[in-house]
PDB file of all heavy atoms in Angstrom:
ATOM      1  N   ALA A   1     142.140 133.010 125.465  1.00  0.00           N
ATOM      2  CA  ALA A   1     142.071 131.541 125.096  1.00  0.00           C
ATOM      3  C   ALA A   1     143.063 130.779 125.864  1.00  0.00           C
ATOM      4  O   ALA A   1     142.806 129.595 126.348  1.00  0.00           O
ATOM      5  CB  ALA A   1     142.268 131.400 123.624  1.00  0.00           C
ATOM      6  N   MET A   2     144.217 131.403 126.163  1.00  0.00           N
ATOM      7  CA  MET A   2     145.231 130.682 126.942  1.00  0.00           C
ATOM      8  C   MET A   2     144.723 130.500 128.428  1.00  0.00           C
ATOM      9  O   MET A   2     145.067 129.477 128.983  1.00  0.00           O
ATOM     10  CB  MET A   2     146.597 131.574 127.040  1.00  0.00           C
ATOM     11  CG  MET A   2     147.236 131.729 125.621  1.00  0.00           C
ATOM     12  SD  MET A   2     148.658 132.862 125.642  1.00  0.00           S
ATOM     13  CE  MET A   2     149.856 131.828 126.560  1.00  0.00           C
ATOM     14  N   LYS A   3     143.880 131.401 128.872  1.00  0.00           N
ATOM     15  CA  LYS A   3     143.486 131.295 130.229  1.00  0.00           C
ATOM     16  C   LYS A   3     142.484 130.080 130.360  1.00  0.00           C
ATOM     17  O   LYS A   3     142.424 129.478 131.413  1.00  0.00           O
ATOM     18  CB  LYS A   3     142.717 132.531 130.675  1.00  0.00           C
ATOM     19  CG  LYS A   3     143.544 133.795 130.892  1.00  0.00           C
ATOM     20  CD  LYS A   3     142.720 134.977 131.037  1.00  0.00           C
ATOM     21  CE  LYS A   3     143.487 136.216 131.147  1.00  0.00           C
ATOM     22  NZ  LYS A   3     142.706 137.452 131.349  1.00  0.00           N
ATOM     23  N   ARG A   4     141.800 129.799 129.182  1.00  0.00           N
ATOM     24  CA  ARG A   4     140.889 128.627 129.312  1.00  0.00           C
ATOM     25  C   ARG A   4     141.640 127.355 129.127  1.00  0.00           C
ATOM     26  O   ARG A   4     141.045 126.318 129.326  1.00  0.00           O
ATOM     27  CB  ARG A   4     139.823 128.820 128.056  1.00  0.00           C
ATOM     28  CG  ARG A   4     138.941 130.005 128.243  1.00  0.00           C
ATOM     29  CD  ARG A   4     137.766 129.929 127.215  1.00  0.00           C
ATOM     30  NE  ARG A   4     138.214 130.011 125.849  1.00  0.00           N
ATOM     31  CZ  ARG A   4     138.342 131.105 125.135  1.00  0.00           C
ATOM     32  NH1 ARG A   4     138.153 132.227 125.737  1.00  0.00           N
ATOM     33  NH2 ARG A   4     138.626 131.022 123.869  1.00  0.00           N
ATOM     34  N   ALA A   5     142.783 127.302 128.589  1.00  0.00           N
ATOM     35  CA  ALA A   5     143.531 126.118 128.229  1.00  0.00           C
ATOM     36  C   ALA A   5     144.149 125.405 129.457  1.00  0.00           C
ATOM     37  O   ALA A   5     144.428 126.104 130.553  1.00  0.00           O
ATOM     38  CB  ALA A   5     144.628 126.392 127.308  1.00  0.00           C
ATOM     39  N   ASN A   6     144.329 124.078 129.356  1.00  0.00           N
ATOM     40  CA  ASN A   6     145.013 123.347 130.357  1.00  0.00           C
ATOM     41  C   ASN A   6     146.557 123.493 130.106  1.00  0.00           C
ATOM     42  O   ASN A   6     147.265 123.356 131.043  1.00  0.00           O
ATOM     43  CB  ASN A   6     144.590 121.965 130.264  1.00  0.00           C
ATOM     44  CG  ASN A   6     143.706 121.511 131.446  1.00  0.00           C
ATOM     45  OD1 ASN A   6     143.212 122.387 132.162  1.00  0.00           O
ATOM     46  ND2 ASN A   6     143.492 120.191 131.599  1.00  0.00           N
ATOM     47  N   GLY A   7     146.878 123.684 128.874  1.00  0.00           N
ATOM     48  CA  GLY A   7     148.353 123.646 128.566  1.00  0.00           C
ATOM     49  C   GLY A   7     148.520 124.296 127.180  1.00  0.00           C
ATOM     50  O   GLY A   7     147.657 124.446 126.333  1.00  0.00           O
ATOM     51  N   ILE A   8     149.792 124.647 126.985  1.00  0.00           N
ATOM     52  CA  ILE A   8     150.141 125.406 125.657  1.00  0.00           C
ATOM     53  C   ILE A   8     151.300 124.603 125.037  1.00  0.00           C
ATOM     54  O   ILE A   8     152.310 124.310 125.655  1.00  0.00           O
ATOM     55  CB  ILE A   8     150.553 126.883 125.948  1.00  0.00           C
ATOM     56  CG1 ILE A   8     149.625 127.589 126.877  1.00  0.00           C
ATOM     57  CG2 ILE A   8     150.859 127.605 124.641  1.00  0.00           C
ATOM     58  CD1 ILE A   8     148.225 127.872 126.199  1.00  0.00           C
ATOM     59  N   ILE A   9     151.209 124.485 123.698  1.00  0.00           N
ATOM     60  CA  ILE A   9     152.281 123.922 122.877  1.00  0.00           C
ATOM     61  C   ILE A   9     152.542 124.828 121.770  1.00  0.00           C
ATOM     62  O   ILE A   9     151.620 125.169 120.997  1.00  0.00           O
ATOM     63  CB  ILE A   9     152.010 122.535 122.413  1.00  0.00           C
ATOM     64  CG1 ILE A   9     151.660 121.562 123.656  1.00  0.00           C
ATOM     65  CG2 ILE A   9     153.244 121.853 121.621  1.00  0.00           C
ATOM     66  CD1 ILE A   9     151.031 120.167 123.141  1.00  0.00           C
ATOM     67  N   THR A  10     153.750 125.180 121.454  1.00  0.00           N
ATOM     68  CA  THR A  10     154.132 126.094 120.283  1.00  0.00           C
ATOM     69  C   THR A  10     155.152 125.396 119.382  1.00  0.00           C
ATOM     70  O   THR A  10     156.098 124.634 119.786  1.00  0.00           O
ATOM     71  CB  THR A  10     154.562 127.451 120.688  1.00  0.00           C
ATOM     72  OG1 THR A  10     155.913 127.333 121.261  1.00  0.00           O
ATOM     73  CG2 THR A  10     153.610 128.080 121.749  1.00  0.00           C
ATOM     74  N   ASP A  11     155.203 125.899 118.119  1.00  0.00           N
ATOM     75  CA  ASP A  11     156.256 125.455 117.257  1.00  0.00           C
ATOM     76  C   ASP A  11     157.590 126.154 117.487  1.00  0.00           C
ATOM     77  O   ASP A  11     158.586 125.699 117.331  1.00  0.00           O
ATOM     78  CB  ASP A  11     155.836 125.758 115.801  1.00  0.00           C
ATOM     79  CG  ASP A  11     154.735 124.892 115.212  1.00  0.00           C
ATOM     80  OD1 ASP A  11     154.470 123.941 115.866  1.00  0.00           O
ATOM     81  OD2 ASP A  11     154.241 125.083 114.152  1.00  0.00           O
ATOM     82  N   GLU A  12     157.472 127.487 117.749  1.00  0.00           N
ATOM     83  CA  GLU A  12     158.629 128.328 117.932  1.00  0.00           C
ATOM     84  C   GLU A  12     158.782 128.806 119.333  1.00  0.00           C
ATOM     85  O   GLU A  12     157.939 128.579 120.153  1.00  0.00           O
ATOM     86  CB  GLU A  12     158.413 129.550 116.964  1.00  0.00           C
ATOM     87  CG  GLU A  12     158.312 129.165 115.538  1.00  0.00           C
ATOM     88  CD  GLU A  12     158.033 130.366 114.606  1.00  0.00           C
ATOM     89  OE1 GLU A  12     157.771 131.450 115.181  1.00  0.00           O
ATOM     90  OE2 GLU A  12     157.940 130.268 113.348  1.00  0.00           O
ATOM     91  N   GLY A  13     159.807 129.542 119.513  1.00  0.00           N
ATOM     92  CA  GLY A  13     160.053 130.239 120.808  1.00  0.00           C
ATOM     93  C   GLY A  13     161.018 129.654 121.704  1.00  0.00           C
ATOM     94  O   GLY A  13     161.360 128.435 121.635  1.00  0.00           O
ATOM     95  N   GLY A  14     161.533 130.402 122.595  1.00  0.00           N
ATOM     96  CA  GLY A  14     162.456 130.052 123.770  1.00  0.00           C
ATOM     97  C   GLY A  14     161.793 130.147 125.016  1.00  0.00           C
ATOM     98  O   GLY A  14     160.523 130.521 125.118  1.00  0.00           O
ATOM     99  N   VAL A  15     162.500 129.972 126.124  1.00  0.00           N
ATOM    100  CA  VAL A  15     161.918 129.980 127.476  1.00  0.00           C
ATOM    101  C   VAL A  15     161.559 131.371 127.972  1.00  0.00           C
ATOM    102  O   VAL A  15     161.005 131.518 129.054  1.00  0.00           O
ATOM    103  CB  VAL A  15     162.832 129.327 128.549  1.00  0.00           C
ATOM    104  CG1 VAL A  15     163.079 127.819 128.187  1.00  0.00           C
ATOM    105  CG2 VAL A  15     164.169 129.962 128.530  1.00  0.00           C
ATOM    106  N   THR A  16     161.798 132.384 127.178  1.00  0.00           N
ATOM    107  CA  THR A  16     161.392 133.726 127.554  1.00  0.00           C
ATOM    108  C   THR A  16     160.439 134.314 126.535  1.00  0.00           C
ATOM    109  O   THR A  16     160.338 135.559 126.542  1.00  0.00           O
ATOM    110  CB  THR A  16     162.600 134.681 127.825  1.00  0.00           C
ATOM    111  OG1 THR A  16     163.419 134.624 126.641  1.00  0.00           O
ATOM    112  CG2 THR A  16     163.532 134.189 128.968  1.00  0.00           C
ATOM    113  N   CYS A  17     159.861 133.514 125.737  1.00  0.00           N
ATOM    114  CA  CYS A  17     158.979 134.040 124.682  1.00  0.00           C
ATOM    115  C   CYS A  17     157.544 134.372 125.350  1.00  0.00           C
ATOM    116  O   CYS A  17     157.317 134.110 126.492  1.00  0.00           O
ATOM    117  CB  CYS A  17     158.756 133.005 123.593  1.00  0.00           C
ATOM    118  SG  CYS A  17     157.949 131.531 124.057  1.00  0.00           S
ATOM    119  N   HIS A  18     156.738 134.978 124.544  1.00  0.00           N
ATOM    120  CA  HIS A  18     155.432 135.338 125.003  1.00  0.00           C
ATOM    121  C   HIS A  18     154.692 134.109 125.607  1.00  0.00           C
ATOM    122  O   HIS A  18     154.144 134.240 126.746  1.00  0.00           O
ATOM    123  CB  HIS A  18     154.527 135.907 123.885  1.00  0.00           C
ATOM    124  CG  HIS A  18     153.175 136.227 124.241  1.00  0.00           C
ATOM    125  ND1 HIS A  18     152.144 135.455 124.241  1.00  0.00           N
ATOM    126  CD2 HIS A  18     152.636 137.456 124.751  1.00  0.00           C
ATOM    127  CE1 HIS A  18     150.970 135.994 124.589  1.00  0.00           C
ATOM    128  NE2 HIS A  18     151.386 137.249 124.965  1.00  0.00           N
ATOM    129  N   ALA A  19     154.589 133.052 124.990  1.00  0.00           N
ATOM    130  CA  ALA A  19     153.818 131.818 125.464  1.00  0.00           C
ATOM    131  C   ALA A  19     154.405 131.379 126.820  1.00  0.00           C
ATOM    132  O   ALA A  19     153.683 131.076 127.689  1.00  0.00           O
ATOM    133  CB  ALA A  19     153.965 130.730 124.485  1.00  0.00           C
ATOM    134  N   ALA A  20     155.733 131.497 126.999  1.00  0.00           N
ATOM    135  CA  ALA A  20     156.363 131.020 128.201  1.00  0.00           C
ATOM    136  C   ALA A  20     156.083 131.978 129.369  1.00  0.00           C
ATOM    137  O   ALA A  20     155.658 131.564 130.478  1.00  0.00           O
ATOM    138  CB  ALA A  20     157.868 130.931 128.027  1.00  0.00           C
ATOM    139  N   ILE A  21     156.168 133.291 129.152  1.00  0.00           N
ATOM    140  CA  ILE A  21     155.956 134.182 130.210  1.00  0.00           C
ATOM    141  C   ILE A  21     154.547 134.121 130.656  1.00  0.00           C
ATOM    142  O   ILE A  21     154.222 134.123 131.927  1.00  0.00           O
ATOM    143  CB  ILE A  21     156.287 135.655 129.669  1.00  0.00           C
ATOM    144  CG1 ILE A  21     157.763 135.819 129.435  1.00  0.00           C
ATOM    145  CG2 ILE A  21     155.793 136.670 130.640  1.00  0.00           C
ATOM    146  CD1 ILE A  21     158.233 137.053 128.719  1.00  0.00           C
ATOM    147  N   VAL A  22     153.619 134.190 129.771  1.00  0.00           N
ATOM    148  CA  VAL A  22     152.140 134.113 130.181  1.00  0.00           C
ATOM    149  C   VAL A  22     151.795 132.839 130.784  1.00  0.00           C
ATOM    150  O   VAL A  22     151.119 132.863 131.783  1.00  0.00           O
ATOM    151  CB  VAL A  22     151.312 134.481 128.899  1.00  0.00           C
ATOM    152  CG1 VAL A  22     149.800 134.420 129.336  1.00  0.00           C
ATOM    153  CG2 VAL A  22     151.540 135.816 128.358  1.00  0.00           C
ATOM    154  N   SER A  23     152.353 131.664 130.215  1.00  0.00           N
ATOM    155  CA  SER A  23     152.050 130.413 130.863  1.00  0.00           C
ATOM    156  C   SER A  23     152.407 130.311 132.317  1.00  0.00           C
ATOM    157  O   SER A  23     151.752 129.836 133.252  1.00  0.00           O
ATOM    158  CB  SER A  23     152.572 129.325 129.989  1.00  0.00           C
ATOM    159  OG  SER A  23     152.073 129.314 128.792  1.00  0.00           O
ATOM    160  N   ARG A  24     153.681 130.799 132.543  1.00  0.00           N
ATOM    161  CA  ARG A  24     154.218 130.657 133.925  1.00  0.00           C
ATOM    162  C   ARG A  24     153.357 131.534 134.839  1.00  0.00           C
ATOM    163  O   ARG A  24     153.093 131.196 135.961  1.00  0.00           O
ATOM    164  CB  ARG A  24     155.594 131.252 133.902  1.00  0.00           C
ATOM    165  CG  ARG A  24     156.617 130.157 133.320  1.00  0.00           C
ATOM    166  CD  ARG A  24     158.047 130.529 133.794  1.00  0.00           C
ATOM    167  NE  ARG A  24     158.547 131.714 133.063  1.00  0.00           N
ATOM    168  CZ  ARG A  24     159.182 131.627 131.836  1.00  0.00           C
ATOM    169  NH1 ARG A  24     159.412 130.555 131.315  1.00  0.00           N
ATOM    170  NH2 ARG A  24     159.638 132.718 131.364  1.00  0.00           N
ATOM    171  N   GLU A  25     152.997 132.786 134.363  1.00  0.00           N
ATOM    172  CA  GLU A  25     152.135 133.619 135.261  1.00  0.00           C
ATOM    173  C   GLU A  25     150.705 133.032 135.459  1.00  0.00           C
ATOM    174  O   GLU A  25     150.170 133.160 136.698  1.00  0.00           O
ATOM    175  CB  GLU A  25     152.012 135.057 134.596  1.00  0.00           C
ATOM    176  CG  GLU A  25     151.301 136.050 135.547  1.00  0.00           C
ATOM    177  CD  GLU A  25     151.659 137.434 135.205  1.00  0.00           C
ATOM    178  OE1 GLU A  25     152.884 137.718 134.690  1.00  0.00           O
ATOM    179  OE2 GLU A  25     150.839 138.257 135.385  1.00  0.00           O
ATOM    180  N   LEU A  26     150.200 132.326 134.540  1.00  0.00           N
ATOM    181  CA  LEU A  26     148.926 131.724 134.638  1.00  0.00           C
ATOM    182  C   LEU A  26     148.955 130.411 135.380  1.00  0.00           C
ATOM    183  O   LEU A  26     147.957 129.837 135.840  1.00  0.00           O
ATOM    184  CB  LEU A  26     148.231 131.509 133.356  1.00  0.00           C
ATOM    185  CG  LEU A  26     147.868 132.782 132.554  1.00  0.00           C
ATOM    186  CD1 LEU A  26     147.318 132.504 131.133  1.00  0.00           C
ATOM    187  CD2 LEU A  26     146.706 133.581 133.345  1.00  0.00           C
ATOM    188  N   GLY A  27     150.269 129.864 135.552  1.00  0.00           N
ATOM    189  CA  GLY A  27     150.326 128.522 136.127  1.00  0.00           C
ATOM    190  C   GLY A  27     149.889 127.444 135.292  1.00  0.00           C
ATOM    191  O   GLY A  27     149.497 126.394 135.637  1.00  0.00           O
ATOM    192  N   ILE A  28     150.164 127.636 133.945  1.00  0.00           N
ATOM    193  CA  ILE A  28     149.722 126.638 132.877  1.00  0.00           C
ATOM    194  C   ILE A  28     150.951 125.987 132.404  1.00  0.00           C
ATOM    195  O   ILE A  28     151.896 126.599 131.882  1.00  0.00           O
ATOM    196  CB  ILE A  28     148.956 127.273 131.801  1.00  0.00           C
ATOM    197  CG1 ILE A  28     147.667 127.878 132.243  1.00  0.00           C
ATOM    198  CG2 ILE A  28     148.683 126.293 130.680  1.00  0.00           C
ATOM    199  CD1 ILE A  28     146.969 128.700 131.163  1.00  0.00           C
ATOM    200  N   PRO A  29     151.082 124.624 132.313  1.00  0.00           N
ATOM    201  CA  PRO A  29     152.192 123.977 131.725  1.00  0.00           C
ATOM    202  C   PRO A  29     152.364 124.329 130.333  1.00  0.00           C
ATOM    203  O   PRO A  29     151.385 124.545 129.573  1.00  0.00           O
ATOM    204  CB  PRO A  29     151.917 122.466 131.945  1.00  0.00           C
ATOM    205  CG  PRO A  29     150.886 122.412 133.004  1.00  0.00           C
ATOM    206  CD  PRO A  29     150.158 123.538 132.970  1.00  0.00           C
ATOM    207  N   CYS A  30     153.647 124.418 129.839  1.00  0.00           N
ATOM    208  CA  CYS A  30     153.855 124.951 128.408  1.00  0.00           C
ATOM    209  C   CYS A  30     155.111 124.341 127.856  1.00  0.00           C
ATOM    210  O   CYS A  30     156.080 124.237 128.548  1.00  0.00           O
ATOM    211  CB  CYS A  30     153.916 126.478 128.520  1.00  0.00           C
ATOM    212  SG  CYS A  30     154.377 127.163 126.802  1.00  0.00           S
ATOM    213  N   VAL A  31     155.064 123.949 126.570  1.00  0.00           N
ATOM    214  CA  VAL A  31     156.246 123.428 125.888  1.00  0.00           C
ATOM    215  C   VAL A  31     156.324 124.290 124.588  1.00  0.00           C
ATOM    216  O   VAL A  31     155.473 124.490 123.831  1.00  0.00           O
ATOM    217  CB  VAL A  31     156.078 121.942 125.483  1.00  0.00           C
ATOM    218  CG1 VAL A  31     157.207 121.563 124.566  1.00  0.00           C
ATOM    219  CG2 VAL A  31     155.958 121.058 126.680  1.00  0.00           C
ATOM    220  N   VAL A  32     157.521 124.894 124.411  1.00  0.00           N
ATOM    221  CA  VAL A  32     157.664 125.704 123.207  1.00  0.00           C
ATOM    222  C   VAL A  32     158.837 125.191 122.363  1.00  0.00           C
ATOM    223  O   VAL A  32     159.531 124.260 122.711  1.00  0.00           O
ATOM    224  CB  VAL A  32     158.117 127.118 123.678  1.00  0.00           C
ATOM    225  CG1 VAL A  32     156.968 127.796 124.536  1.00  0.00           C
ATOM    226  CG2 VAL A  32     159.423 127.201 124.529  1.00  0.00           C
ATOM    227  N   GLY A  33     158.907 125.796 121.203  1.00  0.00           N
ATOM    228  CA  GLY A  33     160.059 125.396 120.260  1.00  0.00           C
ATOM    229  C   GLY A  33     160.076 123.963 119.816  1.00  0.00           C
ATOM    230  O   GLY A  33     161.075 123.343 119.535  1.00  0.00           O
ATOM    231  N   THR A  34     158.875 123.323 119.600  1.00  0.00           N
ATOM    232  CA  THR A  34     158.833 121.963 119.091  1.00  0.00           C
ATOM    233  C   THR A  34     159.164 121.848 117.590  1.00  0.00           C
ATOM    234  O   THR A  34     159.632 120.782 117.136  1.00  0.00           O
ATOM    235  CB  THR A  34     157.445 121.362 119.340  1.00  0.00           C
ATOM    236  OG1 THR A  34     156.438 122.051 118.446  1.00  0.00           O
ATOM    237  CG2 THR A  34     157.043 121.262 120.733  1.00  0.00           C
ATOM    238  N   GLY A  35     158.951 122.968 116.886  1.00  0.00           N
ATOM    239  CA  GLY A  35     159.146 122.941 115.429  1.00  0.00           C
ATOM    240  C   GLY A  35     158.141 122.351 114.574  1.00  0.00           C
ATOM    241  O   GLY A  35     158.003 122.771 113.427  1.00  0.00           O
ATOM    242  N   ASP A  36     157.366 121.523 115.164  1.00  0.00           N
ATOM    243  CA  ASP A  36     156.324 120.805 114.267  1.00  0.00           C
ATOM    244  C   ASP A  36     155.037 120.453 114.815  1.00  0.00           C
ATOM    245  O   ASP A  36     154.213 119.739 114.322  1.00  0.00           O
ATOM    246  CB  ASP A  36     157.009 119.483 113.775  1.00  0.00           C
ATOM    247  CG  ASP A  36     157.433 118.599 114.860  1.00  0.00           C
ATOM    248  OD1 ASP A  36     157.062 118.858 116.091  1.00  0.00           O
ATOM    249  OD2 ASP A  36     158.142 117.539 114.649  1.00  0.00           O
ATOM    250  N   ALA A  37     154.779 120.982 116.076  1.00  0.00           N
ATOM    251  CA  ALA A  37     153.528 120.538 116.703  1.00  0.00           C
ATOM    252  C   ALA A  37     152.281 120.812 115.907  1.00  0.00           C
ATOM    253  O   ALA A  37     151.383 119.982 115.844  1.00  0.00           O
ATOM    254  CB  ALA A  37     153.457 121.297 118.090  1.00  0.00           C
ATOM    255  N   THR A  38     152.108 121.990 115.245  1.00  0.00           N
ATOM    256  CA  THR A  38     150.982 122.264 114.529  1.00  0.00           C
ATOM    257  C   THR A  38     150.703 121.404 113.315  1.00  0.00           C
ATOM    258  O   THR A  38     149.613 121.311 112.885  1.00  0.00           O
ATOM    259  CB  THR A  38     150.977 123.815 114.054  1.00  0.00           C
ATOM    260  OG1 THR A  38     152.123 123.996 113.271  1.00  0.00           O
ATOM    261  CG2 THR A  38     151.093 124.731 115.262  1.00  0.00           C
ATOM    262  N   SER A  39     151.823 120.832 112.794  1.00  0.00           N
ATOM    263  CA  SER A  39     151.723 119.999 111.679  1.00  0.00           C
ATOM    264  C   SER A  39     151.556 118.505 112.014  1.00  0.00           C
ATOM    265  O   SER A  39     151.086 117.863 111.034  1.00  0.00           O
ATOM    266  CB  SER A  39     152.912 120.199 110.650  1.00  0.00           C
ATOM    267  OG  SER A  39     154.107 119.922 111.343  1.00  0.00           O
ATOM    268  N   ILE A  40     152.040 117.992 113.145  1.00  0.00           N
ATOM    269  CA  ILE A  40     151.962 116.585 113.381  1.00  0.00           C
ATOM    270  C   ILE A  40     150.961 116.193 114.323  1.00  0.00           C
ATOM    271  O   ILE A  40     150.624 115.011 114.514  1.00  0.00           O
ATOM    272  CB  ILE A  40     153.443 116.066 113.692  1.00  0.00           C
ATOM    273  CG1 ILE A  40     153.834 116.498 115.113  1.00  0.00           C
ATOM    274  CG2 ILE A  40     154.372 116.365 112.623  1.00  0.00           C
ATOM    275  CD1 ILE A  40     155.050 115.791 115.631  1.00  0.00           C
ATOM    276  N   ILE A  41     150.468 117.108 115.199  1.00  0.00           N
ATOM    277  CA  ILE A  41     149.548 116.757 116.221  1.00  0.00           C
ATOM    278  C   ILE A  41     148.044 116.893 115.678  1.00  0.00           C
ATOM    279  O   ILE A  41     147.644 118.039 115.178  1.00  0.00           O
ATOM    280  CB  ILE A  41     149.586 117.554 117.394  1.00  0.00           C
ATOM    281  CG1 ILE A  41     151.026 117.483 118.044  1.00  0.00           C
ATOM    282  CG2 ILE A  41     148.625 117.120 118.594  1.00  0.00           C
ATOM    283  CD1 ILE A  41     151.285 118.262 119.324  1.00  0.00           C
TER     284      ILE A  41
END
């Protein structure tokens, strides 16, 4: 699913978490550690 996405946003994580590593390798913009993305977007 990440491969199909234009970008990734997560509630948790740092710059070396799973989302960050895979996003960089796929060349997909990613923002992690927002704390509340799933509840407010």
